């Protein structure tokens, strides 16, 4: 999770004219293993980010699960990546 945040976060922020502060973002927290990992919790604490905690066993309340991930799957359906380097280059 931390590596994902580092790589995608840097690429996203480098493309934005006005930098976005992580604490200005709304993060959904559903107790998935990557969310509860020690590295993730420490990362969030260092950056003073308070996640929005989702009720257990209620994926229907998570807007990312309902809308965002479906859209991303549709957009990436045809993409094939040969490896980490090719994926990182996008």
PDB file of N, CA and C in Angstrom:
ATOM      1  N   UNK A   1       0.817  -1.194   0.000  1.00  0.00           N
ATOM      2  CA  UNK A   1       0.000   0.000   0.000  1.00  0.00           C
ATOM      3  C   UNK A   1       0.861   1.259   0.000  1.00  0.00           C
ATOM      4  N   UNK A   2       1.885   1.269   0.843  1.00  0.00           N
ATOM      5  CA  UNK A   2       2.752   2.444   0.914  1.00  0.00           C
ATOM      6  C   UNK A   2       3.465   2.658  -0.414  1.00  0.00           C
ATOM      7  N   UNK A   3       3.968   1.577  -1.006  1.00  0.00           N
ATOM      8  CA  UNK A   3       4.650   1.704  -2.298  1.00  0.00           C
ATOM      9  C   UNK A   3       3.676   2.229  -3.355  1.00  0.00           C
ATOM     10  N   UNK A   4       2.455   1.751  -3.325  1.00  0.00           N
ATOM     11  CA  UNK A   4       1.429   2.229  -4.251  1.00  0.00           C
ATOM     12  C   UNK A   4       1.197   3.726  -4.062  1.00  0.00           C
ATOM     13  N   UNK A   5       1.076   4.159  -2.809  1.00  0.00           N
ATOM     14  CA  UNK A   5       0.884   5.589  -2.540  1.00  0.00           C
ATOM     15  C   UNK A   5       2.058   6.413  -3.040  1.00  0.00           C
ATOM     16  N   UNK A   6       3.261   5.890  -2.840  1.00  0.00           N
ATOM     17  CA  UNK A   6       4.451   6.633  -3.288  1.00  0.00           C
ATOM     18  C   UNK A   6       4.462   6.791  -4.803  1.00  0.00           C
ATOM     19  N   UNK A   7       4.285   5.688  -5.524  1.00  0.00           N
ATOM     20  CA  UNK A   7       4.413   5.752  -6.981  1.00  0.00           C
ATOM     21  C   UNK A   7       3.255   6.497  -7.630  1.00  0.00           C
ATOM     22  N   UNK A   8       2.031   6.154  -7.265  1.00  0.00           N
ATOM     23  CA  UNK A   8       0.905   6.824  -7.909  1.00  0.00           C
ATOM     24  C   UNK A   8       0.742   8.248  -7.408  1.00  0.00           C
ATOM     25  N   UNK A   9       1.006   8.458  -6.129  1.00  0.00           N
ATOM     26  CA  UNK A   9       0.888   9.806  -5.572  1.00  0.00           C
ATOM     27  C   UNK A   9       1.838  10.781  -6.228  1.00  0.00           C
ATOM     28  N   UNK A  10       3.088  10.368  -6.424  1.00  0.00           N
ATOM     29  CA  UNK A  10       4.075  11.246  -7.067  1.00  0.00           C
ATOM     30  C   UNK A  10       3.655  11.581  -8.490  1.00  0.00           C
ATOM     31  N   UNK A  11       3.186  10.578  -9.222  1.00  0.00           N
ATOM     32  CA  UNK A  11       2.773  10.821 -10.609  1.00  0.00           C
ATOM     33  C   UNK A  11       1.565  11.752 -10.657  1.00  0.00           C
ATOM     34  N   UNK A  12       0.607  11.520  -9.776  1.00  0.00           N
ATOM     35  CA  UNK A  12      -0.592  12.353  -9.751  1.00  0.00           C
ATOM     36  C   UNK A  12      -0.253  13.792  -9.394  1.00  0.00           C
ATOM     37  N   UNK A  13       0.510  13.974  -8.341  1.00  0.00           N
ATOM     38  CA  UNK A  13       0.838  15.326  -7.895  1.00  0.00           C
ATOM     39  C   UNK A  13       1.712  16.066  -8.893  1.00  0.00           C
ATOM     40  N   UNK A  14       2.568  15.345  -9.617  1.00  0.00           N
ATOM     41  CA  UNK A  14       3.428  16.013 -10.588  1.00  0.00           C
ATOM     42  C   UNK A  14       2.624  16.557 -11.766  1.00  0.00           C
ATOM     43  N   UNK A  15       1.449  16.003 -11.993  1.00  0.00           N
ATOM     44  CA  UNK A  15       0.618  16.452 -13.109  1.00  0.00           C
ATOM     45  C   UNK A  15      -0.350  17.565 -12.722  1.00  0.00           C
ATOM     46  N   UNK A  16      -0.491  17.798 -11.459  1.00  0.00           N
ATOM     47  CA  UNK A  16      -1.421  18.817 -10.999  1.00  0.00           C
ATOM     48  C   UNK A  16      -0.726  20.169 -10.919  1.00  0.00           C
ATOM     49  N   UNK A  17      -1.385  21.195 -11.434  1.00  0.00           N
ATOM     50  CA  UNK A  17      -0.829  22.544 -11.355  1.00  0.00           C
ATOM     51  C   UNK A  17      -0.801  23.007  -9.904  1.00  0.00           C
ATOM     52  N   UNK A  18      -1.917  22.851  -9.219  1.00  0.00           N
ATOM     53  CA  UNK A  18      -1.999  23.194  -7.801  1.00  0.00           C
ATOM     54  C   UNK A  18      -1.840  21.907  -7.010  1.00  0.00           C
ATOM     55  N   UNK A  19      -0.838  21.853  -6.187  1.00  0.00           N
ATOM     56  CA  UNK A  19      -0.568  20.648  -5.409  1.00  0.00           C
ATOM     57  C   UNK A  19      -1.717  20.359  -4.442  1.00  0.00           C
ATOM     58  N   UNK A  20      -2.041  19.092  -4.323  1.00  0.00           N
ATOM     59  CA  UNK A  20      -3.089  18.662  -3.409  1.00  0.00           C
ATOM     60  C   UNK A  20      -2.434  18.127  -2.149  1.00  0.00           C
ATOM     61  N   UNK A  21      -2.900  18.590  -1.014  1.00  0.00           N
ATOM     62  CA  UNK A  21      -2.385  18.079   0.251  1.00  0.00           C
ATOM     63  C   UNK A  21      -3.182  16.836   0.619  1.00  0.00           C
ATOM     64  N   UNK A  22      -2.473  15.817   1.073  1.00  0.00           N
ATOM     65  CA  UNK A  22      -3.122  14.556   1.405  1.00  0.00           C
ATOM     66  C   UNK A  22      -4.221  14.749   2.444  1.00  0.00           C
ATOM     67  N   UNK A  23      -4.004  15.652   3.392  1.00  0.00           N
ATOM     68  CA  UNK A  23      -5.028  15.823   4.426  1.00  0.00           C
ATOM     69  C   UNK A  23      -6.286  16.502   3.893  1.00  0.00           C
ATOM     70  N   UNK A  24      -6.240  17.028   2.669  1.00  0.00           N
ATOM     71  CA  UNK A  24      -7.428  17.591   2.042  1.00  0.00           C
ATOM     72  C   UNK A  24      -8.250  16.536   1.309  1.00  0.00           C
ATOM     73  N   UNK A  25      -7.727  15.314   1.249  1.00  0.00           N
ATOM     74  CA  UNK A  25      -8.410  14.223   0.552  1.00  0.00           C
ATOM     75  C   UNK A  25      -9.309  13.459   1.516  1.00  0.00           C
ATOM     76  N   UNK A  26     -10.325  12.853   0.979  1.00  0.00           N
ATOM     77  CA  UNK A  26     -11.219  12.007   1.754  1.00  0.00           C
ATOM     78  C   UNK A  26     -10.833  10.555   1.492  1.00  0.00           C
ATOM     79  N   UNK A  27     -10.386   9.868   2.525  1.00  0.00           N
ATOM     80  CA  UNK A  27      -9.942   8.483   2.382  1.00  0.00           C
ATOM     81  C   UNK A  27     -10.941   7.551   3.046  1.00  0.00           C
ATOM     82  N   UNK A  28     -11.460   6.595   2.272  1.00  0.00           N
ATOM     83  CA  UNK A  28     -12.385   5.602   2.820  1.00  0.00           C
ATOM     84  C   UNK A  28     -11.576   4.495   3.474  1.00  0.00           C
ATOM     85  N   UNK A  29     -11.979   4.075   4.645  1.00  0.00           N
ATOM     86  CA  UNK A  29     -11.236   3.117   5.456  1.00  0.00           C
ATOM     87  C   UNK A  29     -12.181   1.979   5.810  1.00  0.00           C
ATOM     88  N   UNK A  30     -11.909   0.775   5.294  1.00  0.00           N
ATOM     89  CA  UNK A  30     -12.832  -0.329   5.557  1.00  0.00           C
ATOM     90  C   UNK A  30     -12.186  -1.523   6.259  1.00  0.00           C
ATOM     91  N   UNK A  31     -11.055  -1.302   6.896  1.00  0.00           N
ATOM     92  CA  UNK A  31     -10.341  -2.341   7.637  1.00  0.00           C
ATOM     93  C   UNK A  31      -9.814  -3.474   6.762  1.00  0.00           C
ATOM     94  N   UNK A  32      -9.660  -3.237   5.479  1.00  0.00           N
ATOM     95  CA  UNK A  32      -8.994  -4.217   4.626  1.00  0.00           C
ATOM     96  C   UNK A  32      -7.547  -4.339   5.097  1.00  0.00           C
ATOM     97  N   UNK A  33      -6.924  -5.459   4.835  1.00  0.00           N
ATOM     98  CA  UNK A  33      -5.565  -5.703   5.325  1.00  0.00           C
ATOM     99  C   UNK A  33      -4.592  -4.579   4.973  1.00  0.00           C
ATOM    100  N   UNK A  34      -4.589  -4.056   3.736  1.00  0.00           N
ATOM    101  CA  UNK A  34      -3.662  -2.952   3.438  1.00  0.00           C
ATOM    102  C   UNK A  34      -3.936  -1.697   4.273  1.00  0.00           C
ATOM    103  N   UNK A  35      -5.177  -1.490   4.667  1.00  0.00           N
ATOM    104  CA  UNK A  35      -5.520  -0.308   5.461  1.00  0.00           C
ATOM    105  C   UNK A  35      -5.050  -0.426   6.901  1.00  0.00           C
ATOM    106  N   UNK A  36      -5.016  -1.639   7.427  1.00  0.00           N
ATOM    107  CA  UNK A  36      -4.661  -1.836   8.832  1.00  0.00           C
ATOM    108  C   UNK A  36      -3.191  -2.178   9.031  1.00  0.00           C
ATOM    109  N   UNK A  37      -2.435  -2.270   7.955  1.00  0.00           N
ATOM    110  CA  UNK A  37      -1.008  -2.594   8.058  1.00  0.00           C
ATOM    111  C   UNK A  37      -0.277  -1.511   8.849  1.00  0.00           C
ATOM    112  N   UNK A  38       0.739  -1.920   9.568  1.00  0.00           N
ATOM    113  CA  UNK A  38       1.510  -0.990  10.393  1.00  0.00           C
ATOM    114  C   UNK A  38       2.073   0.155   9.562  1.00  0.00           C
ATOM    115  N   UNK A  39       2.649  -0.154   8.401  1.00  0.00           N
ATOM    116  CA  UNK A  39       3.213   0.899   7.541  1.00  0.00           C
ATOM    117  C   UNK A  39       2.150   1.923   7.143  1.00  0.00           C
ATOM    118  N   UNK A  40       0.971   1.438   6.824  1.00  0.00           N
ATOM    119  CA  UNK A  40      -0.106   2.344   6.418  1.00  0.00           C
ATOM    120  C   UNK A  40      -0.534   3.232   7.575  1.00  0.00           C
ATOM    121  N   UNK A  41      -0.723   2.639   8.744  1.00  0.00           N
ATOM    122  CA  UNK A  41      -1.131   3.429   9.917  1.00  0.00           C
ATOM    123  C   UNK A  41      -0.083   4.481  10.264  1.00  0.00           C
ATOM    124  N   UNK A  42       1.196   4.099  10.189  1.00  0.00           N
ATOM    125  CA  UNK A  42       2.272   5.057  10.481  1.00  0.00           C
ATOM    126  C   UNK A  42       2.302   6.182   9.451  1.00  0.00           C
ATOM    127  N   UNK A  43       2.114   5.830   8.182  1.00  0.00           N
ATOM    128  CA  UNK A  43       2.069   6.818   7.104  1.00  0.00           C
ATOM    129  C   UNK A  43       0.956   7.837   7.366  1.00  0.00           C
ATOM    130  N   UNK A  44      -0.221   7.341   7.726  1.00  0.00           N
ATOM    131  CA  UNK A  44      -1.365   8.215   7.978  1.00  0.00           C
ATOM    132  C   UNK A  44      -1.118   9.101   9.203  1.00  0.00           C
ATOM    133  N   UNK A  45      -0.514   8.542  10.233  1.00  0.00           N
ATOM    134  CA  UNK A  45      -0.233   9.304  11.451  1.00  0.00           C
ATOM    135  C   UNK A  45       0.776  10.411  11.179  1.00  0.00           C
ATOM    136  N   UNK A  46       1.851  10.078  10.445  1.00  0.00           N
ATOM    137  CA  UNK A  46       2.881  11.083  10.136  1.00  0.00           C
ATOM    138  C   UNK A  46       2.306  12.254   9.361  1.00  0.00           C
ATOM    139  N   UNK A  47       1.332  11.989   8.532  1.00  0.00           N
ATOM    140  CA  UNK A  47       0.766  13.048   7.692  1.00  0.00           C
ATOM    141  C   UNK A  47      -0.527  13.635   8.269  1.00  0.00           C
ATOM    142  N   UNK A  48      -0.847  13.235   9.483  1.00  0.00           N
ATOM    143  CA  UNK A  48      -2.010  13.768  10.190  1.00  0.00           C
ATOM    144  C   UNK A  48      -3.289  13.631   9.370  1.00  0.00           C
ATOM    145  N   UNK A  49      -3.501  12.428   8.819  1.00  0.00           N
ATOM    146  CA  UNK A  49      -4.683  12.144   8.011  1.00  0.00           C
ATOM    147  C   UNK A  49      -5.650  11.309   8.842  1.00  0.00           C
ATOM    148  N   UNK A  50      -6.882  11.751   8.912  1.00  0.00           N
ATOM    149  CA  UNK A  50      -7.922  11.012   9.625  1.00  0.00           C
ATOM    150  C   UNK A  50      -8.861  10.393   8.586  1.00  0.00           C
ATOM    151  N   UNK A  51      -8.844   9.072   8.433  1.00  0.00           N
ATOM    152  CA  UNK A  51      -9.699   8.446   7.424  1.00  0.00           C
ATOM    153  C   UNK A  51     -11.164   8.430   7.846  1.00  0.00           C
ATOM    154  N   UNK A  52     -12.041   8.296   6.860  1.00  0.00           N
ATOM    155  CA  UNK A  52     -13.464   8.105   7.118  1.00  0.00           C
ATOM    156  C   UNK A  52     -13.660   6.608   7.290  1.00  0.00           C
ATOM    157  N   UNK A  53     -14.040   6.189   8.475  1.00  0.00           N
ATOM    158  CA  UNK A  53     -14.165   4.760   8.751  1.00  0.00           C
ATOM    159  C   UNK A  53     -15.528   4.259   8.306  1.00  0.00           C
ATOM    160  N   UNK A  54     -15.490   3.154   7.589  1.00  0.00           N
ATOM    161  CA  UNK A  54     -16.695   2.535   7.065  1.00  0.00           C
ATOM    162  C   UNK A  54     -17.170   1.462   8.034  1.00  0.00           C
ATOM    163  N   UNK A  55     -18.466   1.320   8.172  1.00  0.00           N
ATOM    164  CA  UNK A  55     -19.018   0.278   9.033  1.00  0.00           C
ATOM    165  C   UNK A  55     -18.619  -1.098   8.518  1.00  0.00           C
ATOM    166  N   UNK A  56     -18.344  -2.035   9.425  1.00  0.00           N
ATOM    167  CA  UNK A  56     -17.970  -3.380   8.992  1.00  0.00           C
ATOM    168  C   UNK A  56     -19.096  -4.036   8.185  1.00  0.00           C
ATOM    169  N   UNK A  57     -18.693  -4.815   7.209  1.00  0.00           N
ATOM    170  CA  UNK A  57     -19.634  -5.586   6.382  1.00  0.00           C
ATOM    171  C   UNK A  57     -20.675  -4.707   5.698  1.00  0.00           C
ATOM    172  N   UNK A  58     -20.258  -3.558   5.229  1.00  0.00           N
ATOM    173  CA  UNK A  58     -21.204  -2.670   4.544  1.00  0.00           C
ATOM    174  C   UNK A  58     -20.585  -2.065   3.288  1.00  0.00           C
ATOM    175  N   UNK A  59     -20.156  -2.913   2.343  1.00  0.00           N
ATOM    176  CA  UNK A  59     -19.550  -2.366   1.125  1.00  0.00           C
ATOM    177  C   UNK A  59     -20.518  -1.517   0.312  1.00  0.00           C
ATOM    178  N   UNK A  60     -21.816  -1.701   0.533  1.00  0.00           N
ATOM    179  CA  UNK A  60     -22.796  -0.901  -0.192  1.00  0.00           C
ATOM    180  C   UNK A  60     -22.737   0.576   0.188  1.00  0.00           C
ATOM    181  N   UNK A  61     -22.103   0.890   1.317  1.00  0.00           N
ATOM    182  CA  UNK A  61     -21.963   2.287   1.730  1.00  0.00           C
ATOM    183  C   UNK A  61     -20.686   2.933   1.212  1.00  0.00           C
ATOM    184  N   UNK A  62     -19.807   2.140   0.630  1.00  0.00           N
ATOM    185  CA  UNK A  62     -18.530   2.653   0.147  1.00  0.00           C
ATOM    186  C   UNK A  62     -18.688   3.118  -1.296  1.00  0.00           C
ATOM    187  N   UNK A  63     -18.641   4.419  -1.500  1.00  0.00           N
ATOM    188  CA  UNK A  63     -18.837   4.971  -2.842  1.00  0.00           C
ATOM    189  C   UNK A  63     -17.770   4.517  -3.820  1.00  0.00           C
ATOM    190  N   UNK A  64     -16.551   4.294  -3.335  1.00  0.00           N
ATOM    191  CA  UNK A  64     -15.485   3.816  -4.222  1.00  0.00           C
ATOM    192  C   UNK A  64     -15.846   2.453  -4.792  1.00  0.00           C
ATOM    193  N   UNK A  65     -16.338   1.554  -3.937  1.00  0.00           N
ATOM    194  CA  UNK A  65     -16.736   0.225  -4.398  1.00  0.00           C
ATOM    195  C   UNK A  65     -17.905   0.296  -5.366  1.00  0.00           C
ATOM    196  N   UNK A  66     -18.811   1.211  -5.135  1.00  0.00           N
ATOM    197  CA  UNK A  66     -20.015   1.280  -5.965  1.00  0.00           C
ATOM    198  C   UNK A  66     -19.780   1.952  -7.312  1.00  0.00           C
ATOM    199  N   UNK A  67     -18.919   2.965  -7.361  1.00  0.00           N
ATOM    200  CA  UNK A  67     -18.792   3.749  -8.586  1.00  0.00           C
ATOM    201  C   UNK A  67     -17.374   3.807  -9.139  1.00  0.00           C
ATOM    202  N   UNK A  68     -16.418   4.178  -8.331  1.00  0.00           N
ATOM    203  CA  UNK A  68     -15.060   4.410  -8.811  1.00  0.00           C
ATOM    204  C   UNK A  68     -14.410   3.151  -9.365  1.00  0.00           C
ATOM    205  N   UNK A  69     -14.413   2.061  -8.602  1.00  0.00           N
ATOM    206  CA  UNK A  69     -13.718   0.857  -9.038  1.00  0.00           C
ATOM    207  C   UNK A  69     -14.354   0.258 -10.289  1.00  0.00           C
ATOM    208  N   UNK A  70     -15.669   0.337 -10.403  1.00  0.00           N
ATOM    209  CA  UNK A  70     -16.344  -0.159 -11.603  1.00  0.00           C
ATOM    210  C   UNK A  70     -15.883   0.631 -12.832  1.00  0.00           C
ATOM    211  N   UNK A  71     -15.788   1.943 -12.683  1.00  0.00           N
ATOM    212  CA  UNK A  71     -15.335   2.800 -13.788  1.00  0.00           C
ATOM    213  C   UNK A  71     -13.884   2.500 -14.141  1.00  0.00           C
ATOM    214  N   UNK A  72     -13.028   2.338 -13.126  1.00  0.00           N
ATOM    215  CA  UNK A  72     -11.623   2.019 -13.382  1.00  0.00           C
ATOM    216  C   UNK A  72     -11.476   0.680 -14.088  1.00  0.00           C
ATOM    217  N   UNK A  73     -12.237  -0.323 -13.652  1.00  0.00           N
ATOM    218  CA  UNK A  73     -12.179  -1.632 -14.311  1.00  0.00           C
ATOM    219  C   UNK A  73     -12.551  -1.503 -15.780  1.00  0.00           C
ATOM    220  N   UNK A  74     -13.592  -0.729 -16.049  1.00  0.00           N
ATOM    221  CA  UNK A  74     -14.032  -0.537 -17.430  1.00  0.00           C
ATOM    222  C   UNK A  74     -12.939   0.149 -18.256  1.00  0.00           C
ATOM    223  N   UNK A  75     -12.315   1.167 -17.697  1.00  0.00           N
ATOM    224  CA  UNK A  75     -11.280   1.903 -18.423  1.00  0.00           C
ATOM    225  C   UNK A  75     -10.025   1.065 -18.657  1.00  0.00           C
ATOM    226  N   UNK A  76      -9.696   0.188 -17.714  1.00  0.00           N
ATOM    227  CA  UNK A  76      -8.463  -0.595 -17.802  1.00  0.00           C
ATOM    228  C   UNK A  76      -8.666  -1.983 -18.394  1.00  0.00           C
ATOM    229  N   UNK A  77      -9.879  -2.326 -18.740  1.00  0.00           N
ATOM    230  CA  UNK A  77     -10.197  -3.673 -19.212  1.00  0.00           C
ATOM    231  C   UNK A  77      -9.303  -4.116 -20.368  1.00  0.00           C
ATOM    232  N   UNK A  78      -9.048  -3.247 -21.304  1.00  0.00           N
ATOM    233  CA  UNK A  78      -8.275  -3.615 -22.488  1.00  0.00           C
ATOM    234  C   UNK A  78      -6.767  -3.482 -22.303  1.00  0.00           C
ATOM    235  N   UNK A  79      -6.337  -2.860 -21.214  1.00  0.00           N
ATOM    236  CA  UNK A  79      -4.905  -2.651 -20.990  1.00  0.00           C
ATOM    237  C   UNK A  79      -4.235  -3.918 -20.483  1.00  0.00           C
ATOM    238  N   UNK A  80      -3.054  -4.187 -21.020  1.00  0.00           N
ATOM    239  CA  UNK A  80      -2.224  -5.279 -20.530  1.00  0.00           C
ATOM    240  C   UNK A  80      -0.861  -4.696 -20.203  1.00  0.00           C
ATOM    241  N   UNK A  81      -0.321  -5.090 -19.082  1.00  0.00           N
ATOM    242  CA  UNK A  81       0.966  -4.581 -18.638  1.00  0.00           C
ATOM    243  C   UNK A  81       1.972  -5.718 -18.634  1.00  0.00           C
ATOM    244  N   UNK A  82       3.149  -5.464 -19.191  1.00  0.00           N
ATOM    245  CA  UNK A  82       4.194  -6.473 -19.242  1.00  0.00           C
ATOM    246  C   UNK A  82       4.952  -6.618 -17.943  1.00  0.00           C
ATOM    247  N   UNK A  83       4.834  -5.677 -17.061  1.00  0.00           N
ATOM    248  CA  UNK A  83       5.548  -5.724 -15.791  1.00  0.00           C
ATOM    249  C   UNK A  83       5.415  -4.412 -15.055  1.00  0.00           C
ATOM    250  N   UNK A  84       6.070  -4.338 -13.916  1.00  0.00           N
ATOM    251  CA  UNK A  84       5.983  -3.145 -13.068  1.00  0.00           C
ATOM    252  C   UNK A  84       6.503  -1.905 -13.791  1.00  0.00           C
ATOM    253  N   UNK A  85       7.599  -2.067 -14.534  1.00  0.00           N
ATOM    254  CA  UNK A  85       8.190  -0.917 -15.222  1.00  0.00           C
ATOM    255  C   UNK A  85       7.233  -0.334 -16.256  1.00  0.00           C
ATOM    256  N   UNK A  86       6.571  -1.204 -17.001  1.00  0.00           N
ATOM    257  CA  UNK A  86       5.640  -0.727 -18.019  1.00  0.00           C
ATOM    258  C   UNK A  86       4.439  -0.040 -17.365  1.00  0.00           C
ATOM    259  N   UNK A  87       3.944  -0.607 -16.278  1.00  0.00           N
ATOM    260  CA  UNK A  87       2.817  -0.013 -15.563  1.00  0.00           C
ATOM    261  C   UNK A  87       3.207   1.338 -14.976  1.00  0.00           C
ATOM    262  N   UNK A  88       4.391   1.425 -14.395  1.00  0.00           N
ATOM    263  CA  UNK A  88       4.861   2.663 -13.764  1.00  0.00           C
ATOM    264  C   UNK A  88       5.065   3.774 -14.779  1.00  0.00           C
ATOM    265  N   UNK A  89       5.333   3.418 -16.021  1.00  0.00           N
ATOM    266  CA  UNK A  89       5.595   4.409 -17.052  1.00  0.00           C
ATOM    267  C   UNK A  89       4.354   5.104 -17.558  1.00  0.00           C
ATOM    268  N   UNK A  90       3.202   4.647 -17.166  1.00  0.00           N
ATOM    269  CA  UNK A  90       1.956   5.253 -17.650  1.00  0.00           C
ATOM    270  C   UNK A  90       1.578   6.470 -16.891  1.00  0.00           C
TER     271      UNK A  90
END
